[in-house]
């Protein structure tokens, strides 16, 4: 099962991967369990996240949505910078 996240802003790929993991409790749970696979597809300019169905269902029950609302990488980056500054 895969989760799609569009990626068309000028954010470095490694930073984008880190932001997705740190800003979403859903994705962070999958990453901590070591079942998350992140794949960048250049032709579609997209990052696909893969995990086992069992762990996806557990994460969905625990956290609900992947992100609250529709968010691009610029919004994630701004939220990340604000959290760093204020915490």
PDB file of N, CA and C in Angstrom:
ATOM      1  N   UNK A   1       0.848  -1.164   0.000  1.00  0.00           N
ATOM      2  CA  UNK A   1       0.000   0.000   0.000  1.00  0.00           C
ATOM      3  C   UNK A   1       0.896   1.230   0.000  1.00  0.00           C
ATOM      4  N   UNK A   2       0.582   2.231  -0.795  1.00  0.00           N
ATOM      5  CA  UNK A   2       1.446   3.397  -0.843  1.00  0.00           C
ATOM      6  C   UNK A   2       0.675   4.673  -0.529  1.00  0.00           C
ATOM      7  N   UNK A   3       1.393   5.634   0.014  1.00  0.00           N
ATOM      8  CA  UNK A   3       0.860   6.955   0.316  1.00  0.00           C
ATOM      9  C   UNK A   3       1.567   7.920  -0.610  1.00  0.00           C
ATOM     10  N   UNK A   4       0.825   8.707  -1.361  1.00  0.00           N
ATOM     11  CA  UNK A   4       1.467   9.620  -2.302  1.00  0.00           C
ATOM     12  C   UNK A   4       1.584  11.009  -1.693  1.00  0.00           C
ATOM     13  N   UNK A   5       2.679  11.664  -2.004  1.00  0.00           N
ATOM     14  CA  UNK A   5       2.878  13.051  -1.601  1.00  0.00           C
ATOM     15  C   UNK A   5       3.529  13.761  -2.777  1.00  0.00           C
ATOM     16  N   UNK A   6       2.831  14.751  -3.340  1.00  0.00           N
ATOM     17  CA  UNK A   6       3.394  15.515  -4.452  1.00  0.00           C
ATOM     18  C   UNK A   6       4.615  16.299  -3.992  1.00  0.00           C
ATOM     19  N   UNK A   7       5.555  16.471  -4.870  1.00  0.00           N
ATOM     20  CA  UNK A   7       6.787  17.151  -4.493  1.00  0.00           C
ATOM     21  C   UNK A   7       7.255  17.971  -5.669  1.00  0.00           C
ATOM     22  N   UNK A   8       6.878  19.248  -5.717  1.00  0.00           N
ATOM     23  CA  UNK A   8       7.276  20.063  -6.857  1.00  0.00           C
ATOM     24  C   UNK A   8       7.899  21.387  -6.444  1.00  0.00           C
ATOM     25  N   UNK A   9       8.114  21.615  -5.157  1.00  0.00           N
ATOM     26  CA  UNK A   9       8.780  22.817  -4.723  1.00  0.00           C
ATOM     27  C   UNK A   9      10.291  22.617  -4.759  1.00  0.00           C
ATOM     28  N   UNK A  10      11.023  23.707  -4.584  1.00  0.00           N
ATOM     29  CA  UNK A  10      12.485  23.645  -4.631  1.00  0.00           C
ATOM     30  C   UNK A  10      13.060  23.334  -3.255  1.00  0.00           C
ATOM     31  N   UNK A  11      12.719  22.196  -2.724  1.00  0.00           N
ATOM     32  CA  UNK A  11      13.218  21.731  -1.435  1.00  0.00           C
ATOM     33  C   UNK A  11      14.116  20.532  -1.714  1.00  0.00           C
ATOM     34  N   UNK A  12      15.320  20.492  -1.131  1.00  0.00           N
ATOM     35  CA  UNK A  12      16.193  19.332  -1.344  1.00  0.00           C
ATOM     36  C   UNK A  12      15.499  18.030  -0.933  1.00  0.00           C
ATOM     37  N   UNK A  13      15.779  16.981  -1.662  1.00  0.00           N
ATOM     38  CA  UNK A  13      15.113  15.697  -1.461  1.00  0.00           C
ATOM     39  C   UNK A  13      15.297  15.156  -0.040  1.00  0.00           C
ATOM     40  N   UNK A  14      16.516  15.194   0.483  1.00  0.00           N
ATOM     41  CA  UNK A  14      16.762  14.658   1.830  1.00  0.00           C
ATOM     42  C   UNK A  14      16.006  15.457   2.887  1.00  0.00           C
ATOM     43  N   UNK A  15      15.941  16.776   2.724  1.00  0.00           N
ATOM     44  CA  UNK A  15      15.180  17.599   3.661  1.00  0.00           C
ATOM     45  C   UNK A  15      13.692  17.288   3.564  1.00  0.00           C
ATOM     46  N   UNK A  16      13.203  17.059   2.352  1.00  0.00           N
ATOM     47  CA  UNK A  16      11.791  16.715   2.169  1.00  0.00           C
ATOM     48  C   UNK A  16      11.456  15.403   2.862  1.00  0.00           C
ATOM     49  N   UNK A  17      12.328  14.416   2.733  1.00  0.00           N
ATOM     50  CA  UNK A  17      12.104  13.130   3.404  1.00  0.00           C
ATOM     51  C   UNK A  17      12.086  13.306   4.916  1.00  0.00           C
ATOM     52  N   UNK A  18      13.033  14.090   5.434  1.00  0.00           N
ATOM     53  CA  UNK A  18      13.111  14.326   6.876  1.00  0.00           C
ATOM     54  C   UNK A  18      11.862  15.055   7.372  1.00  0.00           C
ATOM     55  N   UNK A  19      11.398  16.037   6.605  1.00  0.00           N
ATOM     56  CA  UNK A  19      10.209  16.793   7.002  1.00  0.00           C
ATOM     57  C   UNK A  19       8.973  15.909   7.060  1.00  0.00           C
ATOM     58  N   UNK A  20       8.825  15.047   6.076  1.00  0.00           N
ATOM     59  CA  UNK A  20       7.658  14.158   6.058  1.00  0.00           C
ATOM     60  C   UNK A  20       7.657  13.273   7.308  1.00  0.00           C
ATOM     61  N   UNK A  21       8.813  12.752   7.655  1.00  0.00           N
ATOM     62  CA  UNK A  21       8.898  11.847   8.816  1.00  0.00           C
ATOM     63  C   UNK A  21       8.670  12.603  10.117  1.00  0.00           C
ATOM     64  N   UNK A  22       9.268  13.793  10.266  1.00  0.00           N
ATOM     65  CA  UNK A  22       9.180  14.488  11.550  1.00  0.00           C
ATOM     66  C   UNK A  22       7.861  15.219  11.760  1.00  0.00           C
ATOM     67  N   UNK A  23       7.189  15.638  10.709  1.00  0.00           N
ATOM     68  CA  UNK A  23       5.989  16.447  10.868  1.00  0.00           C
ATOM     69  C   UNK A  23       4.696  15.639  10.915  1.00  0.00           C
ATOM     70  N   UNK A  24       4.761  14.362  10.647  1.00  0.00           N
ATOM     71  CA  UNK A  24       3.563  13.535  10.687  1.00  0.00           C
ATOM     72  C   UNK A  24       3.735  12.412  11.705  1.00  0.00           C
ATOM     73  N   UNK A  25       2.936  12.397  12.765  1.00  0.00           N
ATOM     74  CA  UNK A  25       3.039  11.301  13.735  1.00  0.00           C
ATOM     75  C   UNK A  25       2.757   9.945  13.095  1.00  0.00           C
ATOM     76  N   UNK A  26       1.875   9.918  12.097  1.00  0.00           N
ATOM     77  CA  UNK A  26       1.538   8.702  11.360  1.00  0.00           C
ATOM     78  C   UNK A  26       2.783   8.126  10.692  1.00  0.00           C
ATOM     79  N   UNK A  27       3.498   8.966   9.939  1.00  0.00           N
ATOM     80  CA  UNK A  27       4.689   8.525   9.207  1.00  0.00           C
ATOM     81  C   UNK A  27       5.838   8.257  10.179  1.00  0.00           C
ATOM     82  N   UNK A  28       5.933   9.063  11.240  1.00  0.00           N
ATOM     83  CA  UNK A  28       6.989   8.868  12.228  1.00  0.00           C
ATOM     84  C   UNK A  28       6.851   7.508  12.915  1.00  0.00           C
ATOM     85  N   UNK A  29       5.632   7.099  13.202  1.00  0.00           N
ATOM     86  CA  UNK A  29       5.375   5.776  13.789  1.00  0.00           C
ATOM     87  C   UNK A  29       5.887   4.676  12.861  1.00  0.00           C
ATOM     88  N   UNK A  30       5.566   4.780  11.572  1.00  0.00           N
ATOM     89  CA  UNK A  30       6.018   3.776  10.600  1.00  0.00           C
ATOM     90  C   UNK A  30       7.541   3.758  10.494  1.00  0.00           C
ATOM     91  N   UNK A  31       8.150   4.953  10.546  1.00  0.00           N
ATOM     92  CA  UNK A  31       9.606   5.063  10.457  1.00  0.00           C
ATOM     93  C   UNK A  31      10.275   4.430  11.679  1.00  0.00           C
ATOM     94  N   UNK A  32       9.722   4.658  12.877  1.00  0.00           N
ATOM     95  CA  UNK A  32      10.293   4.080  14.099  1.00  0.00           C
ATOM     96  C   UNK A  32      10.181   2.557  14.116  1.00  0.00           C
ATOM     97  N   UNK A  33       9.109   2.030  13.520  1.00  0.00           N
ATOM     98  CA  UNK A  33       8.935   0.579  13.437  1.00  0.00           C
ATOM     99  C   UNK A  33       9.797  -0.036  12.326  1.00  0.00           C
ATOM    100  N   UNK A  34      10.481   0.817  11.551  1.00  0.00           N
ATOM    101  CA  UNK A  34      11.367   0.399  10.454  1.00  0.00           C
ATOM    102  C   UNK A  34      10.629  -0.368   9.360  1.00  0.00           C
ATOM    103  N   UNK A  35       9.412   0.071   9.064  1.00  0.00           N
ATOM    104  CA  UNK A  35       8.646  -0.553   7.982  1.00  0.00           C
ATOM    105  C   UNK A  35       8.384   0.435   6.848  1.00  0.00           C
ATOM    106  N   UNK A  36       8.843   1.664   6.993  1.00  0.00           N
ATOM    107  CA  UNK A  36       8.596   2.700   5.987  1.00  0.00           C
ATOM    108  C   UNK A  36       9.676   2.670   4.913  1.00  0.00           C
ATOM    109  N   UNK A  37       9.234   2.700   3.661  1.00  0.00           N
ATOM    110  CA  UNK A  37      10.145   2.796   2.528  1.00  0.00           C
ATOM    111  C   UNK A  37       9.769   4.055   1.757  1.00  0.00           C
ATOM    112  N   UNK A  38      10.756   4.929   1.531  1.00  0.00           N
ATOM    113  CA  UNK A  38      10.524   6.187   0.821  1.00  0.00           C
ATOM    114  C   UNK A  38      11.197   6.089  -0.538  1.00  0.00           C
ATOM    115  N   UNK A  39      10.449   6.399  -1.580  1.00  0.00           N
ATOM    116  CA  UNK A  39      10.969   6.295  -2.946  1.00  0.00           C
ATOM    117  C   UNK A  39      10.635   7.563  -3.707  1.00  0.00           C
ATOM    118  N   UNK A  40      11.625   8.172  -4.342  1.00  0.00           N
ATOM    119  CA  UNK A  40      11.424   9.369  -5.157  1.00  0.00           C
ATOM    120  C   UNK A  40      11.368   8.979  -6.624  1.00  0.00           C
ATOM    121  N   UNK A  41      10.309   9.379  -7.299  1.00  0.00           N
ATOM    122  CA  UNK A  41      10.149   9.085  -8.716  1.00  0.00           C
ATOM    123  C   UNK A  41      10.329  10.389  -9.481  1.00  0.00           C
ATOM    124  N   UNK A  42      11.465  10.514 -10.174  1.00  0.00           N
ATOM    125  CA  UNK A  42      11.806  11.764 -10.853  1.00  0.00           C
ATOM    126  C   UNK A  42      10.850  12.101 -11.985  1.00  0.00           C
ATOM    127  N   UNK A  43      10.421  11.109 -12.741  1.00  0.00           N
ATOM    128  CA  UNK A  43       9.583  11.377 -13.914  1.00  0.00           C
ATOM    129  C   UNK A  43       8.243  12.005 -13.534  1.00  0.00           C
ATOM    130  N   UNK A  44       7.696  11.610 -12.381  1.00  0.00           N
ATOM    131  CA  UNK A  44       6.422  12.186 -11.917  1.00  0.00           C
ATOM    132  C   UNK A  44       6.623  13.261 -10.862  1.00  0.00           C
ATOM    133  N   UNK A  45       7.876  13.476 -10.452  1.00  0.00           N
ATOM    134  CA  UNK A  45       8.195  14.455  -9.426  1.00  0.00           C
ATOM    135  C   UNK A  45       7.369  14.197  -8.172  1.00  0.00           C
ATOM    136  N   UNK A  46       7.479  12.980  -7.662  1.00  0.00           N
ATOM    137  CA  UNK A  46       6.618  12.529  -6.587  1.00  0.00           C
ATOM    138  C   UNK A  46       7.422  11.674  -5.615  1.00  0.00           C
ATOM    139  N   UNK A  47       7.049  11.746  -4.351  1.00  0.00           N
ATOM    140  CA  UNK A  47       7.634  10.872  -3.343  1.00  0.00           C
ATOM    141  C   UNK A  47       6.561   9.885  -2.925  1.00  0.00           C
ATOM    142  N   UNK A  48       6.855   8.604  -3.043  1.00  0.00           N
ATOM    143  CA  UNK A  48       5.932   7.560  -2.617  1.00  0.00           C
ATOM    144  C   UNK A  48       6.451   6.958  -1.316  1.00  0.00           C
ATOM    145  N   UNK A  49       5.543   6.745  -0.395  1.00  0.00           N
ATOM    146  CA  UNK A  49       5.865   6.112   0.878  1.00  0.00           C
ATOM    147  C   UNK A  49       5.190   4.752   0.901  1.00  0.00           C
ATOM    148  N   UNK A  50       5.955   3.726   1.201  1.00  0.00           N
ATOM    149  CA  UNK A  50       5.437   2.367   1.239  1.00  0.00           C
ATOM    150  C   UNK A  50       5.588   1.778   2.637  1.00  0.00           C
ATOM    151  N   UNK A  51       4.602   0.971   3.030  1.00  0.00           N
ATOM    152  CA  UNK A  51       4.671   0.240   4.300  1.00  0.00           C
ATOM    153  C   UNK A  51       3.766  -0.977   4.198  1.00  0.00           C
ATOM    154  N   UNK A  52       3.994  -1.928   5.084  1.00  0.00           N
ATOM    155  CA  UNK A  52       3.142  -3.117   5.121  1.00  0.00           C
ATOM    156  C   UNK A  52       1.729  -2.725   5.534  1.00  0.00           C
ATOM    157  N   UNK A  53       0.780  -3.448   4.991  1.00  0.00           N
ATOM    158  CA  UNK A  53      -0.626  -3.151   5.258  1.00  0.00           C
ATOM    159  C   UNK A  53      -0.962  -3.264   6.747  1.00  0.00           C
ATOM    160  N   UNK A  54      -0.367  -4.237   7.405  1.00  0.00           N
ATOM    161  CA  UNK A  54      -0.611  -4.447   8.838  1.00  0.00           C
ATOM    162  C   UNK A  54      -0.235  -3.198   9.644  1.00  0.00           C
ATOM    163  N   UNK A  55       0.961  -2.661   9.384  1.00  0.00           N
ATOM    164  CA  UNK A  55       1.429  -1.483  10.115  1.00  0.00           C
ATOM    165  C   UNK A  55       0.660  -0.226   9.712  1.00  0.00           C
ATOM    166  N   UNK A  56       0.245  -0.150   8.454  1.00  0.00           N
ATOM    167  CA  UNK A  56      -0.566   0.994   8.020  1.00  0.00           C
ATOM    168  C   UNK A  56      -1.902   1.030   8.750  1.00  0.00           C
ATOM    169  N   UNK A  57      -2.513  -0.123   8.917  1.00  0.00           N
ATOM    170  CA  UNK A  57      -3.802  -0.178   9.615  1.00  0.00           C
ATOM    171  C   UNK A  57      -3.649   0.203  11.089  1.00  0.00           C
ATOM    172  N   UNK A  58      -2.588  -0.265  11.724  1.00  0.00           N
ATOM    173  CA  UNK A  58      -2.340   0.086  13.123  1.00  0.00           C
ATOM    174  C   UNK A  58      -2.113   1.592  13.254  1.00  0.00           C
ATOM    175  N   UNK A  59      -1.302   2.160  12.350  1.00  0.00           N
ATOM    176  CA  UNK A  59      -1.035   3.604  12.385  1.00  0.00           C
ATOM    177  C   UNK A  59      -2.306   4.401  12.125  1.00  0.00           C
ATOM    178  N   UNK A  60      -3.135   3.925  11.210  1.00  0.00           N
ATOM    179  CA  UNK A  60      -4.388   4.627  10.915  1.00  0.00           C
ATOM    180  C   UNK A  60      -5.317   4.614  12.131  1.00  0.00           C
ATOM    181  N   UNK A  61      -5.366   3.506  12.844  1.00  0.00           N
ATOM    182  CA  UNK A  61      -6.188   3.433  14.055  1.00  0.00           C
ATOM    183  C   UNK A  61      -5.646   4.349  15.157  1.00  0.00           C
ATOM    184  N   UNK A  62      -4.313   4.438  15.265  1.00  0.00           N
ATOM    185  CA  UNK A  62      -3.711   5.257  16.311  1.00  0.00           C
ATOM    186  C   UNK A  62      -3.776   6.748  16.008  1.00  0.00           C
ATOM    187  N   UNK A  63      -3.521   7.137  14.748  1.00  0.00           N
ATOM    188  CA  UNK A  63      -3.336   8.546  14.425  1.00  0.00           C
ATOM    189  C   UNK A  63      -4.372   9.131  13.471  1.00  0.00           C
ATOM    190  N   UNK A  64      -5.128   8.309  12.785  1.00  0.00           N
ATOM    191  CA  UNK A  64      -6.120   8.837  11.849  1.00  0.00           C
ATOM    192  C   UNK A  64      -5.500   9.230  10.526  1.00  0.00           C
ATOM    193  N   UNK A  65      -5.341  10.520  10.303  1.00  0.00           N
ATOM    194  CA  UNK A  65      -4.829  11.021   9.022  1.00  0.00           C
ATOM    195  C   UNK A  65      -3.310  11.122   9.024  1.00  0.00           C
ATOM    196  N   UNK A  66      -2.750  11.113   7.812  1.00  0.00           N
ATOM    197  CA  UNK A  66      -1.307  11.272   7.657  1.00  0.00           C
ATOM    198  C   UNK A  66      -0.923  12.701   8.004  1.00  0.00           C
ATOM    199  N   UNK A  67      -1.584  13.655   7.386  1.00  0.00           N
ATOM    200  CA  UNK A  67      -1.404  15.074   7.675  1.00  0.00           C
ATOM    201  C   UNK A  67      -2.772  15.686   7.897  1.00  0.00           C
ATOM    202  N   UNK A  68      -2.829  16.756   8.663  1.00  0.00           N
ATOM    203  CA  UNK A  68      -4.104  17.451   8.849  1.00  0.00           C
ATOM    204  C   UNK A  68      -4.286  18.400   7.670  1.00  0.00           C
ATOM    205  N   UNK A  69      -5.295  18.169   6.870  1.00  0.00           N
ATOM    206  CA  UNK A  69      -5.537  19.005   5.698  1.00  0.00           C
ATOM    207  C   UNK A  69      -4.580  18.692   4.566  1.00  0.00           C
ATOM    208  N   UNK A  70      -4.650  19.505   3.512  1.00  0.00           N
ATOM    209  CA  UNK A  70      -3.770  19.326   2.358  1.00  0.00           C
ATOM    210  C   UNK A  70      -2.574  20.255   2.514  1.00  0.00           C
ATOM    211  N   UNK A  71      -1.374  19.681   2.465  1.00  0.00           N
ATOM    212  CA  UNK A  71      -0.167  20.434   2.732  1.00  0.00           C
ATOM    213  C   UNK A  71       0.879  20.156   1.681  1.00  0.00           C
ATOM    214  N   UNK A  72       1.565  21.207   1.242  1.00  0.00           N
ATOM    215  CA  UNK A  72       2.705  21.050   0.355  1.00  0.00           C
ATOM    216  C   UNK A  72       3.987  21.073   1.166  1.00  0.00           C
ATOM    217  N   UNK A  73       5.110  20.914   0.487  1.00  0.00           N
ATOM    218  CA  UNK A  73       6.377  20.891   1.196  1.00  0.00           C
ATOM    219  C   UNK A  73       6.764  22.258   1.735  1.00  0.00           C
ATOM    220  N   UNK A  74       6.357  23.319   1.071  1.00  0.00           N
ATOM    221  CA  UNK A  74       6.673  24.653   1.571  1.00  0.00           C
ATOM    222  C   UNK A  74       5.972  24.867   2.910  1.00  0.00           C
ATOM    223  N   UNK A  75       4.704  24.455   3.018  1.00  0.00           N
ATOM    224  CA  UNK A  75       3.991  24.574   4.290  1.00  0.00           C
ATOM    225  C   UNK A  75       4.663  23.733   5.369  1.00  0.00           C
ATOM    226  N   UNK A  76       5.077  22.506   5.020  1.00  0.00           N
ATOM    227  CA  UNK A  76       5.787  21.656   5.978  1.00  0.00           C
ATOM    228  C   UNK A  76       7.091  22.294   6.427  1.00  0.00           C
ATOM    229  N   UNK A  77       7.821  22.870   5.469  1.00  0.00           N
ATOM    230  CA  UNK A  77       9.099  23.504   5.775  1.00  0.00           C
ATOM    231  C   UNK A  77       8.894  24.696   6.712  1.00  0.00           C
ATOM    232  N   UNK A  78       7.892  25.520   6.437  1.00  0.00           N
ATOM    233  CA  UNK A  78       7.607  26.684   7.286  1.00  0.00           C
ATOM    234  C   UNK A  78       7.223  26.228   8.696  1.00  0.00           C
ATOM    235  N   UNK A  79       6.355  25.226   8.797  1.00  0.00           N
ATOM    236  CA  UNK A  79       5.970  24.709  10.111  1.00  0.00           C
ATOM    237  C   UNK A  79       7.184  24.180  10.871  1.00  0.00           C
ATOM    238  N   UNK A  80       8.059  23.476  10.163  1.00  0.00           N
ATOM    239  CA  UNK A  80       9.259  22.914  10.772  1.00  0.00           C
ATOM    240  C   UNK A  80      10.165  24.022  11.309  1.00  0.00           C
ATOM    241  N   UNK A  81      10.363  25.070  10.515  1.00  0.00           N
ATOM    242  CA  UNK A  81      11.218  26.193  10.931  1.00  0.00           C
ATOM    243  C   UNK A  81      10.620  26.926  12.120  1.00  0.00           C
ATOM    244  N   UNK A  82       9.293  27.109  12.110  1.00  0.00           N
ATOM    245  CA  UNK A  82       8.650  27.789  13.232  1.00  0.00           C
ATOM    246  C   UNK A  82       8.766  26.977  14.518  1.00  0.00           C
ATOM    247  N   UNK A  83       8.608  25.667  14.421  1.00  0.00           N
ATOM    248  CA  UNK A  83       8.738  24.816  15.610  1.00  0.00           C
ATOM    249  C   UNK A  83      10.157  24.867  16.158  1.00  0.00           C
ATOM    250  N   UNK A  84      11.158  24.866  15.262  1.00  0.00           N
ATOM    251  CA  UNK A  84      12.539  24.944  15.703  1.00  0.00           C
ATOM    252  C   UNK A  84      12.805  26.265  16.411  1.00  0.00           C
ATOM    253  N   UNK A  85      12.238  27.351  15.881  1.00  0.00           N
ATOM    254  CA  UNK A  85      12.491  28.680  16.422  1.00  0.00           C
ATOM    255  C   UNK A  85      11.832  28.859  17.787  1.00  0.00           C
ATOM    256  N   UNK A  86      10.615  28.350  17.943  1.00  0.00           N
ATOM    257  CA  UNK A  86       9.855  28.602  19.157  1.00  0.00           C
ATOM    258  C   UNK A  86      10.010  27.531  20.233  1.00  0.00           C
ATOM    259  N   UNK A  87      10.625  26.419  19.910  1.00  0.00           N
ATOM    260  CA  UNK A  87      10.802  25.374  20.941  1.00  0.00           C
ATOM    261  C   UNK A  87      12.188  25.330  21.486  1.00  0.00           C
TER     262      UNK A  87
END
